[in-house]
Amino acid sequence: MANFEVEIRGLITKEKYIELETLFAREGKFKYAKNRILLCYPDPNTGSLVEECKIDIRIRTTNGIPEIIIKEGEWGGENESRKELFLRGKKGEFDKMVMMLAALGHKKGIFAERRGAVYMYKGIEFSLVEVPDHSFYFEAEVMVKSKDRQKLATEKILKICAELGLKPLSQQEFYDYINRLNAESNEPFDFANYQEGYFNRRYGI
C-alpha cells in the first residue's frame, strides 16, 4: 500500500487560484471539495509545532469525516516525504477524538480551518487551499510505496509545477509561512478550557 506522502507547497494569489481551478477542471479531474477543520499537536519529543516537528499528530475532518493522523518525517520544502498513518472515524466523533488524545497527554495545540478543492492533474493530486480571510496556497502530492521512490516523485512534481508557473516554498519559507498562520489566522487550543461537545456545537462535526 502506498503510504509515503511526497508533497510540495507554494503560495498563490486569489487570481492564480481561480486560474488553476479553471485549468484543472478543464484538463484534469475534479475529485472533491475540501472543507477541513484540524487540530494540530506539538511533536511529543521536541514540543515543536513547526521547525522541529518530526512527529506530526493531528485530528482533522474533511467534509465532516474525522480522522486521527500521524505523519512521521521531515516536512516543508522539496525534500518532504513522510510516512502517514491514520484512523478514520464517523461523523460526529471529532470531540470524542479530542478527549481521547487529551487522555494520552495531548492537551495543547493549534486549531485551524481550511477550504478548497482537490484535483488530479497529470498524475499529481493538487489541492487548492484558501485560508479564510488570510491567504491561498497549493499542495501537490504523490503517494509512493517506499521512501526510496521519493526523488522521482519530487522531480515529477517540480516539473509540472514549473509548467504551471508555480513556485514551491523552500523549507525555511514554509516554516515562516506556518508560523505566520499560527500568529495571524490559526487559533491556540488548550484542553483546560475545552467543554465536551464544543466542536460539534461550533461546526456540527
N, C-alpha and C. Protein backbone atom coordinates (compact mmCIF):
# COMPACT_ATOMS: atom_id res chain seq x y z
N MET A 1 0.85 -1.20 0.00
CA MET A 1 0.00 0.00 0.00
C MET A 1 0.88 1.24 0.00
N ALA A 2 0.57 2.23 -0.84
CA ALA A 2 1.33 3.47 -0.89
C ALA A 2 1.04 4.29 0.35
N ASN A 3 2.06 4.52 1.20
CA ASN A 3 1.80 5.27 2.41
C ASN A 3 2.88 6.29 2.74
N PHE A 4 3.75 6.61 1.77
CA PHE A 4 4.70 7.69 1.94
C PHE A 4 4.20 8.88 1.11
N GLU A 5 4.04 9.99 1.77
CA GLU A 5 3.47 11.18 1.16
C GLU A 5 4.62 12.09 0.71
N VAL A 6 4.71 12.32 -0.59
CA VAL A 6 5.68 13.28 -1.13
C VAL A 6 4.88 14.52 -1.53
N GLU A 7 5.19 15.64 -0.90
CA GLU A 7 4.33 16.81 -1.06
C GLU A 7 5.15 18.09 -1.18
N ILE A 8 4.70 18.97 -2.04
CA ILE A 8 5.31 20.29 -2.23
C ILE A 8 4.21 21.33 -2.16
N ARG A 9 4.52 22.45 -1.51
CA ARG A 9 3.53 23.51 -1.34
C ARG A 9 4.09 24.84 -1.82
N GLY A 10 3.19 25.74 -2.16
CA GLY A 10 3.61 27.08 -2.55
C GLY A 10 2.46 28.06 -2.41
N LEU A 11 2.80 29.32 -2.23
CA LEU A 11 1.78 30.35 -2.11
C LEU A 11 1.29 30.77 -3.49
N ILE A 12 0.02 31.11 -3.57
CA ILE A 12 -0.57 31.62 -4.81
C ILE A 12 -1.49 32.77 -4.48
N THR A 13 -1.78 33.59 -5.48
CA THR A 13 -2.75 34.67 -5.30
C THR A 13 -4.16 34.13 -5.52
N LYS A 14 -5.13 34.93 -5.17
CA LYS A 14 -6.52 34.55 -5.44
C LYS A 14 -6.75 34.37 -6.93
N GLU A 15 -6.11 35.26 -7.74
CA GLU A 15 -6.25 35.18 -9.19
C GLU A 15 -5.66 33.88 -9.73
N LYS A 16 -4.50 33.47 -9.19
CA LYS A 16 -3.87 32.21 -9.62
C LYS A 16 -4.71 31.02 -9.18
N TYR A 17 -5.31 31.11 -8.01
CA TYR A 17 -6.21 30.06 -7.53
C TYR A 17 -7.33 29.83 -8.54
N ILE A 18 -7.96 30.92 -8.98
CA ILE A 18 -9.07 30.82 -9.93
C ILE A 18 -8.58 30.28 -11.27
N GLU A 19 -7.40 30.74 -11.71
CA GLU A 19 -6.82 30.26 -12.97
C GLU A 19 -6.56 28.76 -12.93
N LEU A 20 -5.98 28.27 -11.83
CA LEU A 20 -5.70 26.84 -11.69
C LEU A 20 -6.98 26.03 -11.59
N GLU A 21 -7.95 26.55 -10.87
CA GLU A 21 -9.26 25.90 -10.73
C GLU A 21 -9.87 25.67 -12.11
N THR A 22 -9.80 26.67 -12.96
CA THR A 22 -10.35 26.57 -14.31
C THR A 22 -9.57 25.55 -15.14
N LEU A 23 -8.24 25.61 -15.07
CA LEU A 23 -7.39 24.68 -15.83
C LEU A 23 -7.61 23.24 -15.39
N PHE A 24 -7.59 22.99 -14.09
CA PHE A 24 -7.73 21.62 -13.59
C PHE A 24 -9.11 21.06 -13.91
N ALA A 25 -10.13 21.91 -13.86
CA ALA A 25 -11.48 21.45 -14.19
C ALA A 25 -11.57 21.06 -15.66
N ARG A 26 -10.83 21.77 -16.50
CA ARG A 26 -10.88 21.52 -17.95
C ARG A 26 -9.97 20.38 -18.38
N GLU A 27 -8.76 20.33 -17.83
CA GLU A 27 -7.76 19.37 -18.32
C GLU A 27 -7.41 18.27 -17.32
N GLY A 28 -7.88 18.40 -16.11
CA GLY A 28 -7.64 17.38 -15.10
C GLY A 28 -8.94 16.71 -14.69
N LYS A 29 -9.00 16.25 -13.44
CA LYS A 29 -10.20 15.59 -12.94
C LYS A 29 -10.50 16.11 -11.54
N PHE A 30 -11.68 16.67 -11.38
CA PHE A 30 -12.12 17.14 -10.07
C PHE A 30 -12.38 15.94 -9.17
N LYS A 31 -11.82 15.95 -7.95
CA LYS A 31 -12.05 14.86 -7.01
C LYS A 31 -13.12 15.23 -5.98
N TYR A 32 -12.91 16.31 -5.26
CA TYR A 32 -13.91 16.72 -4.28
C TYR A 32 -13.58 18.10 -3.73
N ALA A 33 -14.60 18.78 -3.22
CA ALA A 33 -14.38 19.99 -2.46
C ALA A 33 -13.83 19.58 -1.10
N LYS A 34 -12.97 20.41 -0.54
CA LYS A 34 -12.33 20.03 0.72
C LYS A 34 -12.53 21.14 1.74
N ASN A 35 -13.44 20.91 2.66
CA ASN A 35 -13.61 21.81 3.79
C ASN A 35 -13.05 21.09 5.02
N ARG A 36 -12.06 21.70 5.62
CA ARG A 36 -11.29 20.98 6.63
C ARG A 36 -11.19 21.79 7.93
N ILE A 37 -11.37 21.07 9.03
CA ILE A 37 -11.11 21.56 10.37
C ILE A 37 -9.97 20.70 10.91
N LEU A 38 -8.94 21.32 11.48
CA LEU A 38 -7.85 20.50 12.00
C LEU A 38 -7.32 21.04 13.31
N LEU A 39 -6.89 20.12 14.15
CA LEU A 39 -6.32 20.43 15.45
C LEU A 39 -4.96 19.74 15.49
N CYS A 40 -3.89 20.54 15.51
CA CYS A 40 -2.52 20.03 15.43
C CYS A 40 -1.84 20.11 16.79
N TYR A 41 -1.15 19.04 17.16
CA TYR A 41 -0.46 18.97 18.44
C TYR A 41 1.05 19.00 18.23
N PRO A 42 1.80 19.51 19.22
CA PRO A 42 3.26 19.54 19.08
C PRO A 42 3.88 18.15 19.08
N ASP A 43 5.06 18.05 18.47
CA ASP A 43 5.84 16.82 18.49
C ASP A 43 6.07 16.40 19.94
N PRO A 44 5.70 15.17 20.33
CA PRO A 44 5.85 14.76 21.73
C PRO A 44 7.29 14.69 22.20
N ASN A 45 8.24 14.60 21.26
CA ASN A 45 9.65 14.52 21.64
C ASN A 45 10.32 15.88 21.75
N THR A 46 9.90 16.83 20.91
CA THR A 46 10.58 18.13 20.87
C THR A 46 9.71 19.28 21.37
N GLY A 47 8.39 19.07 21.42
CA GLY A 47 7.49 20.14 21.80
C GLY A 47 7.24 21.16 20.71
N SER A 48 7.77 20.89 19.51
CA SER A 48 7.68 21.85 18.41
C SER A 48 6.42 21.62 17.57
N LEU A 49 5.84 22.73 17.11
CA LEU A 49 4.72 22.66 16.17
C LEU A 49 5.18 22.86 14.73
N VAL A 50 6.41 23.36 14.56
CA VAL A 50 6.85 23.72 13.21
C VAL A 50 8.24 23.18 12.92
N GLU A 51 9.29 23.94 13.25
CA GLU A 51 10.65 23.62 12.78
C GLU A 51 11.14 22.24 13.20
N GLU A 52 10.92 21.85 14.44
CA GLU A 52 11.42 20.56 14.93
C GLU A 52 10.31 19.52 15.07
N CYS A 53 9.25 19.70 14.30
CA CYS A 53 8.13 18.76 14.36
C CYS A 53 8.39 17.60 13.40
N LYS A 54 8.86 16.49 13.92
CA LYS A 54 9.13 15.30 13.11
C LYS A 54 8.04 14.23 13.28
N ILE A 55 7.25 14.38 14.36
CA ILE A 55 6.07 13.53 14.56
C ILE A 55 4.87 14.47 14.62
N ASP A 56 4.13 14.50 13.55
CA ASP A 56 3.02 15.43 13.37
C ASP A 56 1.73 14.69 13.76
N ILE A 57 1.15 15.08 14.88
CA ILE A 57 -0.07 14.45 15.38
C ILE A 57 -1.22 15.44 15.23
N ARG A 58 -2.30 14.99 14.62
CA ARG A 58 -3.42 15.90 14.42
C ARG A 58 -4.74 15.14 14.35
N ILE A 59 -5.80 15.86 14.66
CA ILE A 59 -7.16 15.40 14.40
C ILE A 59 -7.70 16.33 13.32
N ARG A 60 -8.31 15.77 12.31
CA ARG A 60 -8.86 16.63 11.27
C ARG A 60 -10.17 16.06 10.77
N THR A 61 -10.98 16.93 10.20
CA THR A 61 -12.15 16.47 9.48
C THR A 61 -12.01 16.95 8.05
N THR A 62 -12.39 16.12 7.12
CA THR A 62 -12.52 16.52 5.73
C THR A 62 -13.98 16.33 5.36
N ASN A 63 -14.65 17.43 5.12
CA ASN A 63 -16.09 17.40 4.83
C ASN A 63 -16.87 16.65 5.91
N GLY A 64 -16.47 16.88 7.15
CA GLY A 64 -17.22 16.34 8.28
C GLY A 64 -16.78 14.98 8.79
N ILE A 65 -15.91 14.27 8.07
CA ILE A 65 -15.46 12.94 8.49
C ILE A 65 -14.15 13.07 9.26
N PRO A 66 -14.11 12.66 10.54
CA PRO A 66 -12.92 12.88 11.35
C PRO A 66 -11.88 11.77 11.20
N GLU A 67 -10.62 12.16 11.39
CA GLU A 67 -9.51 11.21 11.35
C GLU A 67 -8.47 11.62 12.39
N ILE A 68 -7.83 10.62 12.97
CA ILE A 68 -6.61 10.85 13.74
C ILE A 68 -5.45 10.54 12.79
N ILE A 69 -4.55 11.51 12.61
CA ILE A 69 -3.46 11.39 11.65
C ILE A 69 -2.13 11.51 12.38
N ILE A 70 -1.19 10.63 12.04
CA ILE A 70 0.19 10.76 12.49
C ILE A 70 1.08 10.71 11.26
N LYS A 71 1.90 11.75 11.09
CA LYS A 71 2.85 11.80 9.99
C LYS A 71 4.26 11.84 10.57
N GLU A 72 5.12 10.95 10.09
CA GLU A 72 6.47 10.85 10.62
C GLU A 72 7.49 11.25 9.55
N GLY A 73 8.39 12.18 9.89
CA GLY A 73 9.43 12.57 8.97
C GLY A 73 9.56 14.07 8.83
N GLU A 74 10.50 14.49 7.97
CA GLU A 74 10.72 15.91 7.71
C GLU A 74 9.57 16.49 6.90
N TRP A 75 9.26 17.76 7.16
CA TRP A 75 8.24 18.40 6.35
C TRP A 75 8.71 19.77 5.91
N GLY A 76 8.09 20.24 4.83
CA GLY A 76 8.44 21.54 4.27
C GLY A 76 9.52 21.43 3.21
N GLY A 77 9.45 22.27 2.18
CA GLY A 77 10.46 22.28 1.14
C GLY A 77 10.30 21.16 0.14
N GLU A 78 11.36 20.95 -0.64
CA GLU A 78 11.31 19.99 -1.76
C GLU A 78 11.69 18.57 -1.35
N ASN A 79 12.07 18.36 -0.10
CA ASN A 79 12.51 17.04 0.32
C ASN A 79 11.53 16.37 1.27
N GLU A 80 10.30 16.88 1.31
CA GLU A 80 9.33 16.30 2.23
C GLU A 80 8.88 14.93 1.76
N SER A 81 9.00 13.98 2.65
CA SER A 81 8.48 12.63 2.41
C SER A 81 8.18 12.04 3.77
N ARG A 82 6.90 11.92 4.08
CA ARG A 82 6.52 11.48 5.42
C ARG A 82 5.66 10.23 5.36
N LYS A 83 5.91 9.35 6.31
CA LYS A 83 5.05 8.18 6.46
C LYS A 83 3.76 8.62 7.12
N GLU A 84 2.65 8.22 6.53
CA GLU A 84 1.35 8.67 7.03
C GLU A 84 0.54 7.51 7.56
N LEU A 85 0.06 7.64 8.79
CA LEU A 85 -0.80 6.65 9.44
C LEU A 85 -2.08 7.35 9.85
N PHE A 86 -3.21 6.69 9.68
CA PHE A 86 -4.46 7.35 10.08
C PHE A 86 -5.51 6.34 10.49
N LEU A 87 -6.40 6.82 11.33
CA LEU A 87 -7.60 6.08 11.71
C LEU A 87 -8.79 6.98 11.45
N ARG A 88 -9.76 6.47 10.71
CA ARG A 88 -10.92 7.28 10.34
C ARG A 88 -12.10 6.94 11.24
N GLY A 89 -12.79 7.96 11.67
CA GLY A 89 -13.97 7.76 12.50
C GLY A 89 -15.25 8.06 11.74
N LYS A 90 -16.31 8.29 12.48
CA LYS A 90 -17.61 8.59 11.90
C LYS A 90 -17.95 10.05 12.18
N LYS A 91 -18.80 10.60 11.33
CA LYS A 91 -19.24 11.97 11.53
C LYS A 91 -19.79 12.14 12.94
N GLY A 92 -19.40 13.20 13.60
CA GLY A 92 -19.84 13.44 14.97
C GLY A 92 -18.86 12.97 16.03
N GLU A 93 -17.74 12.35 15.62
CA GLU A 93 -16.79 11.81 16.59
C GLU A 93 -15.54 12.67 16.79
N PHE A 94 -15.52 13.87 16.23
CA PHE A 94 -14.35 14.74 16.39
C PHE A 94 -14.08 15.01 17.87
N ASP A 95 -15.13 15.38 18.61
CA ASP A 95 -14.95 15.68 20.04
C ASP A 95 -14.47 14.45 20.81
N LYS A 96 -14.95 13.29 20.44
CA LYS A 96 -14.50 12.05 21.08
C LYS A 96 -13.00 11.88 20.89
N MET A 97 -12.50 12.17 19.68
CA MET A 97 -11.07 12.06 19.40
C MET A 97 -10.27 13.07 20.20
N VAL A 98 -10.80 14.29 20.35
CA VAL A 98 -10.14 15.31 21.16
C VAL A 98 -9.96 14.81 22.59
N MET A 99 -11.00 14.20 23.15
CA MET A 99 -10.92 13.70 24.52
C MET A 99 -9.99 12.49 24.62
N MET A 100 -9.97 11.65 23.60
CA MET A 100 -9.05 10.50 23.60
C MET A 100 -7.60 10.95 23.63
N LEU A 101 -7.26 11.92 22.78
CA LEU A 101 -5.87 12.38 22.74
C LEU A 101 -5.51 13.14 24.01
N ALA A 102 -6.47 13.85 24.58
CA ALA A 102 -6.20 14.53 25.86
C ALA A 102 -5.88 13.52 26.95
N ALA A 103 -6.59 12.39 26.94
CA ALA A 103 -6.33 11.34 27.92
C ALA A 103 -4.92 10.76 27.78
N LEU A 104 -4.35 10.87 26.57
CA LEU A 104 -2.98 10.40 26.32
C LEU A 104 -1.94 11.49 26.53
N GLY A 105 -2.40 12.66 26.97
CA GLY A 105 -1.47 13.74 27.29
C GLY A 105 -1.36 14.85 26.27
N HIS A 106 -2.11 14.74 25.16
CA HIS A 106 -2.06 15.77 24.12
C HIS A 106 -3.17 16.79 24.41
N LYS A 107 -2.80 17.88 25.08
CA LYS A 107 -3.81 18.81 25.58
C LYS A 107 -3.71 20.23 25.01
N LYS A 108 -2.60 20.55 24.37
CA LYS A 108 -2.44 21.88 23.79
C LYS A 108 -2.03 21.77 22.34
N GLY A 109 -2.51 22.70 21.54
CA GLY A 109 -2.16 22.66 20.12
C GLY A 109 -2.63 23.89 19.40
N ILE A 110 -2.81 23.74 18.09
CA ILE A 110 -3.24 24.82 17.22
C ILE A 110 -4.44 24.33 16.41
N PHE A 111 -5.45 25.17 16.34
CA PHE A 111 -6.69 24.84 15.64
C PHE A 111 -6.80 25.70 14.39
N ALA A 112 -7.24 25.10 13.27
CA ALA A 112 -7.28 25.84 12.01
C ALA A 112 -8.46 25.40 11.14
N GLU A 113 -8.84 26.29 10.22
CA GLU A 113 -9.85 26.00 9.21
C GLU A 113 -9.26 26.20 7.83
N ARG A 114 -9.64 25.32 6.89
CA ARG A 114 -9.19 25.46 5.51
C ARG A 114 -10.35 25.12 4.57
N ARG A 115 -10.34 25.78 3.41
CA ARG A 115 -11.34 25.48 2.38
C ARG A 115 -10.61 25.26 1.06
N GLY A 116 -11.23 24.53 0.17
CA GLY A 116 -10.59 24.37 -1.13
C GLY A 116 -11.18 23.25 -1.95
N ALA A 117 -10.38 22.79 -2.91
CA ALA A 117 -10.81 21.73 -3.82
C ALA A 117 -9.60 20.90 -4.22
N VAL A 118 -9.87 19.64 -4.56
CA VAL A 118 -8.80 18.70 -4.90
C VAL A 118 -9.02 18.19 -6.32
N TYR A 119 -7.92 18.17 -7.09
CA TYR A 119 -7.96 17.73 -8.48
C TYR A 119 -6.81 16.76 -8.75
N MET A 120 -7.00 15.87 -9.71
CA MET A 120 -5.90 15.09 -10.26
C MET A 120 -5.49 15.74 -11.58
N TYR A 121 -4.20 15.98 -11.74
CA TYR A 121 -3.69 16.61 -12.95
C TYR A 121 -2.33 16.00 -13.26
N LYS A 122 -2.25 15.31 -14.41
CA LYS A 122 -1.01 14.67 -14.87
C LYS A 122 -0.40 13.76 -13.80
N GLY A 123 -1.25 12.99 -13.13
CA GLY A 123 -0.80 12.02 -12.15
C GLY A 123 -0.44 12.59 -10.79
N ILE A 124 -0.74 13.85 -10.57
CA ILE A 124 -0.44 14.51 -9.30
C ILE A 124 -1.75 15.00 -8.68
N GLU A 125 -1.88 14.83 -7.37
CA GLU A 125 -3.04 15.36 -6.68
C GLU A 125 -2.73 16.80 -6.26
N PHE A 126 -3.48 17.73 -6.81
CA PHE A 126 -3.33 19.14 -6.47
C PHE A 126 -4.48 19.57 -5.57
N SER A 127 -4.14 20.15 -4.44
CA SER A 127 -5.13 20.78 -3.58
C SER A 127 -4.97 22.29 -3.68
N LEU A 128 -6.04 22.97 -3.98
CA LEU A 128 -6.06 24.43 -3.96
C LEU A 128 -6.72 24.84 -2.65
N VAL A 129 -5.99 25.61 -1.84
CA VAL A 129 -6.41 25.84 -0.46
C VAL A 129 -6.56 27.33 -0.17
N GLU A 130 -7.67 27.66 0.48
CA GLU A 130 -7.90 29.01 0.98
C GLU A 130 -7.83 29.00 2.50
N VAL A 131 -7.00 29.87 3.06
CA VAL A 131 -7.02 30.13 4.49
C VAL A 131 -7.99 31.28 4.68
N PRO A 132 -9.15 31.04 5.26
CA PRO A 132 -10.19 32.09 5.30
C PRO A 132 -9.67 33.43 5.81
N ASP A 133 -9.95 34.48 5.03
CA ASP A 133 -9.59 35.86 5.38
C ASP A 133 -8.09 36.06 5.54
N HIS A 134 -7.28 35.22 4.86
CA HIS A 134 -5.84 35.37 5.02
C HIS A 134 -5.05 35.19 3.73
N SER A 135 -5.03 33.99 3.15
CA SER A 135 -4.14 33.73 2.02
C SER A 135 -4.58 32.47 1.27
N PHE A 136 -3.82 32.16 0.19
CA PHE A 136 -4.09 31.00 -0.64
C PHE A 136 -2.79 30.25 -0.91
N TYR A 137 -2.87 28.93 -1.02
CA TYR A 137 -1.69 28.15 -1.38
C TYR A 137 -2.12 26.88 -2.11
N PHE A 138 -1.13 26.21 -2.71
CA PHE A 138 -1.39 24.93 -3.36
C PHE A 138 -0.57 23.85 -2.66
N GLU A 139 -1.07 22.63 -2.75
CA GLU A 139 -0.34 21.44 -2.33
C GLU A 139 -0.32 20.48 -3.51
N ALA A 140 0.85 19.97 -3.86
CA ALA A 140 0.99 18.99 -4.94
C ALA A 140 1.54 17.72 -4.32
N GLU A 141 0.81 16.61 -4.44
CA GLU A 141 1.14 15.41 -3.68
C GLU A 141 1.13 14.16 -4.54
N VAL A 142 2.09 13.29 -4.27
CA VAL A 142 2.13 11.94 -4.84
C VAL A 142 2.38 10.98 -3.70
N MET A 143 1.65 9.88 -3.66
CA MET A 143 1.88 8.83 -2.67
C MET A 143 2.74 7.73 -3.29
N VAL A 144 3.76 7.29 -2.55
CA VAL A 144 4.65 6.24 -3.04
C VAL A 144 4.72 5.11 -2.01
N LYS A 145 5.15 3.94 -2.49
CA LYS A 145 5.16 2.76 -1.62
C LYS A 145 6.38 2.67 -0.71
N SER A 146 7.44 3.36 -1.07
CA SER A 146 8.64 3.31 -0.23
C SER A 146 9.39 4.63 -0.35
N LYS A 147 10.19 4.95 0.66
CA LYS A 147 10.89 6.22 0.72
C LYS A 147 11.91 6.38 -0.40
N ASP A 148 12.43 5.25 -0.93
CA ASP A 148 13.44 5.36 -1.98
C ASP A 148 12.87 5.83 -3.31
N ARG A 149 11.54 5.95 -3.40
CA ARG A 149 10.92 6.47 -4.62
C ARG A 149 10.64 7.97 -4.53
N GLN A 150 11.09 8.57 -3.44
CA GLN A 150 10.81 9.99 -3.21
C GLN A 150 11.40 10.87 -4.30
N LYS A 151 12.65 10.63 -4.68
CA LYS A 151 13.33 11.52 -5.63
C LYS A 151 12.58 11.64 -6.95
N LEU A 152 12.17 10.50 -7.50
CA LEU A 152 11.46 10.54 -8.78
C LEU A 152 10.13 11.27 -8.65
N ALA A 153 9.43 11.03 -7.53
CA ALA A 153 8.15 11.70 -7.31
C ALA A 153 8.35 13.21 -7.18
N THR A 154 9.39 13.61 -6.46
CA THR A 154 9.68 15.03 -6.29
C THR A 154 10.01 15.68 -7.63
N GLU A 155 10.82 15.02 -8.44
CA GLU A 155 11.18 15.55 -9.75
C GLU A 155 9.95 15.73 -10.63
N LYS A 156 9.04 14.76 -10.56
CA LYS A 156 7.81 14.84 -11.35
C LYS A 156 6.97 16.04 -10.92
N ILE A 157 6.83 16.23 -9.60
CA ILE A 157 6.03 17.35 -9.10
C ILE A 157 6.65 18.68 -9.50
N LEU A 158 7.97 18.80 -9.34
CA LEU A 158 8.64 20.06 -9.66
C LEU A 158 8.51 20.40 -11.14
N LYS A 159 8.58 19.38 -12.00
CA LYS A 159 8.46 19.60 -13.44
C LYS A 159 7.08 20.17 -13.79
N ILE A 160 6.03 19.57 -13.23
CA ILE A 160 4.67 20.03 -13.53
C ILE A 160 4.43 21.41 -12.90
N CYS A 161 4.95 21.63 -11.71
CA CYS A 161 4.78 22.94 -11.09
C CYS A 161 5.44 24.03 -11.94
N ALA A 162 6.61 23.73 -12.49
CA ALA A 162 7.29 24.70 -13.35
C ALA A 162 6.45 25.01 -14.59
N GLU A 163 5.84 23.98 -15.17
CA GLU A 163 4.98 24.17 -16.34
C GLU A 163 3.79 25.07 -16.01
N LEU A 164 3.33 25.00 -14.78
CA LEU A 164 2.17 25.77 -14.35
C LEU A 164 2.54 27.15 -13.81
N GLY A 165 3.84 27.43 -13.76
CA GLY A 165 4.27 28.72 -13.22
C GLY A 165 4.12 28.81 -11.71
N LEU A 166 4.26 27.67 -11.02
CA LEU A 166 4.12 27.63 -9.57
C LEU A 166 5.49 27.55 -8.91
N LYS A 167 5.71 28.37 -7.91
CA LYS A 167 6.98 28.40 -7.20
C LYS A 167 6.83 27.71 -5.84
N PRO A 168 7.50 26.58 -5.65
CA PRO A 168 7.42 25.91 -4.35
C PRO A 168 8.11 26.72 -3.26
N LEU A 169 7.62 26.59 -2.06
CA LEU A 169 8.27 27.20 -0.91
C LEU A 169 9.49 26.39 -0.52
N SER A 170 10.57 27.07 -0.16
CA SER A 170 11.71 26.38 0.43
C SER A 170 11.31 25.94 1.84
N GLN A 171 12.12 25.10 2.46
CA GLN A 171 11.78 24.65 3.81
C GLN A 171 11.66 25.83 4.77
N GLN A 172 12.58 26.79 4.71
CA GLN A 172 12.52 27.93 5.62
C GLN A 172 11.33 28.82 5.30
N GLU A 173 11.05 29.02 4.02
CA GLU A 173 9.88 29.81 3.63
C GLU A 173 8.60 29.15 4.13
N PHE A 174 8.56 27.83 4.05
CA PHE A 174 7.39 27.09 4.55
C PHE A 174 7.24 27.28 6.05
N TYR A 175 8.34 27.12 6.81
CA TYR A 175 8.28 27.33 8.25
C TYR A 175 7.80 28.74 8.58
N ASP A 176 8.34 29.74 7.86
CA ASP A 176 7.95 31.12 8.11
C ASP A 176 6.45 31.33 7.86
N TYR A 177 5.94 30.69 6.80
CA TYR A 177 4.51 30.82 6.48
C TYR A 177 3.64 30.17 7.55
N ILE A 178 4.00 28.97 8.00
CA ILE A 178 3.21 28.30 9.03
C ILE A 178 3.24 29.10 10.33
N ASN A 179 4.42 29.63 10.69
CA ASN A 179 4.49 30.45 11.90
C ASN A 179 3.63 31.70 11.76
N ARG A 180 3.57 32.27 10.55
CA ARG A 180 2.73 33.44 10.32
C ARG A 180 1.25 33.08 10.46
N LEU A 181 0.87 31.91 9.90
CA LEU A 181 -0.52 31.46 10.05
C LEU A 181 -0.87 31.25 11.52
N ASN A 182 0.05 30.66 12.28
CA ASN A 182 -0.21 30.41 13.69
C ASN A 182 -0.39 31.71 14.46
N ALA A 183 0.31 32.76 14.02
CA ALA A 183 0.22 34.05 14.70
C ALA A 183 -0.98 34.87 14.25
N GLU A 184 -1.36 34.74 12.97
CA GLU A 184 -2.34 35.65 12.39
C GLU A 184 -3.71 35.04 12.10
N SER A 185 -3.76 33.71 11.92
CA SER A 185 -5.00 33.10 11.46
C SER A 185 -5.46 31.94 12.34
N ASN A 186 -4.58 31.01 12.63
CA ASN A 186 -4.94 29.84 13.42
C ASN A 186 -5.20 30.22 14.88
N GLU A 187 -5.88 29.34 15.60
CA GLU A 187 -6.24 29.62 16.99
C GLU A 187 -5.51 28.67 17.93
N PRO A 188 -5.04 29.16 19.08
CA PRO A 188 -4.47 28.25 20.08
C PRO A 188 -5.57 27.39 20.70
N PHE A 189 -5.22 26.15 21.05
CA PHE A 189 -6.17 25.25 21.69
C PHE A 189 -5.58 24.78 23.01
N ASP A 190 -6.38 24.82 24.06
CA ASP A 190 -5.97 24.33 25.37
C ASP A 190 -7.12 23.51 25.93
N PHE A 191 -6.87 22.23 26.15
CA PHE A 191 -7.92 21.34 26.64
C PHE A 191 -8.46 21.79 28.00
N ALA A 192 -7.65 22.55 28.75
CA ALA A 192 -8.11 23.04 30.06
C ALA A 192 -9.34 23.94 29.91
N ASN A 193 -9.50 24.55 28.75
CA ASN A 193 -10.65 25.43 28.51
C ASN A 193 -11.73 24.76 27.66
N TYR A 194 -11.54 23.48 27.37
CA TYR A 194 -12.46 22.77 26.47
C TYR A 194 -13.70 22.30 27.23
N GLN A 195 -14.84 22.37 26.57
CA GLN A 195 -16.08 21.81 27.10
C GLN A 195 -16.57 20.74 26.14
N GLU A 196 -16.93 19.60 26.67
CA GLU A 196 -17.33 18.46 25.83
C GLU A 196 -18.41 18.86 24.83
N GLY A 197 -18.20 18.47 23.56
CA GLY A 197 -19.15 18.77 22.50
C GLY A 197 -18.92 20.11 21.82
N TYR A 198 -17.83 20.81 22.18
CA TYR A 198 -17.58 22.15 21.66
C TYR A 198 -17.53 22.18 20.13
N PHE A 199 -16.76 21.27 19.53
CA PHE A 199 -16.59 21.31 18.08
C PHE A 199 -17.87 20.90 17.36
N ASN A 200 -18.62 20.01 17.97
CA ASN A 200 -19.91 19.64 17.38
C ASN A 200 -20.87 20.83 17.39
N ARG A 201 -20.86 21.57 18.48
CA ARG A 201 -21.75 22.73 18.57
C ARG A 201 -21.30 23.83 17.59
N ARG A 202 -20.00 24.00 17.45
CA ARG A 202 -19.49 25.10 16.60
C ARG A 202 -19.55 24.76 15.11
N TYR A 203 -19.24 23.49 14.77
CA TYR A 203 -19.12 23.14 13.36
C TYR A 203 -20.02 21.96 12.93
N GLY A 204 -20.68 21.34 13.87
CA GLY A 204 -21.52 20.19 13.50
C GLY A 204 -20.71 18.97 13.12
N ILE A 205 -19.50 18.83 13.69
CA ILE A 205 -18.63 17.70 13.34
C ILE A 205 -18.49 16.74 14.52
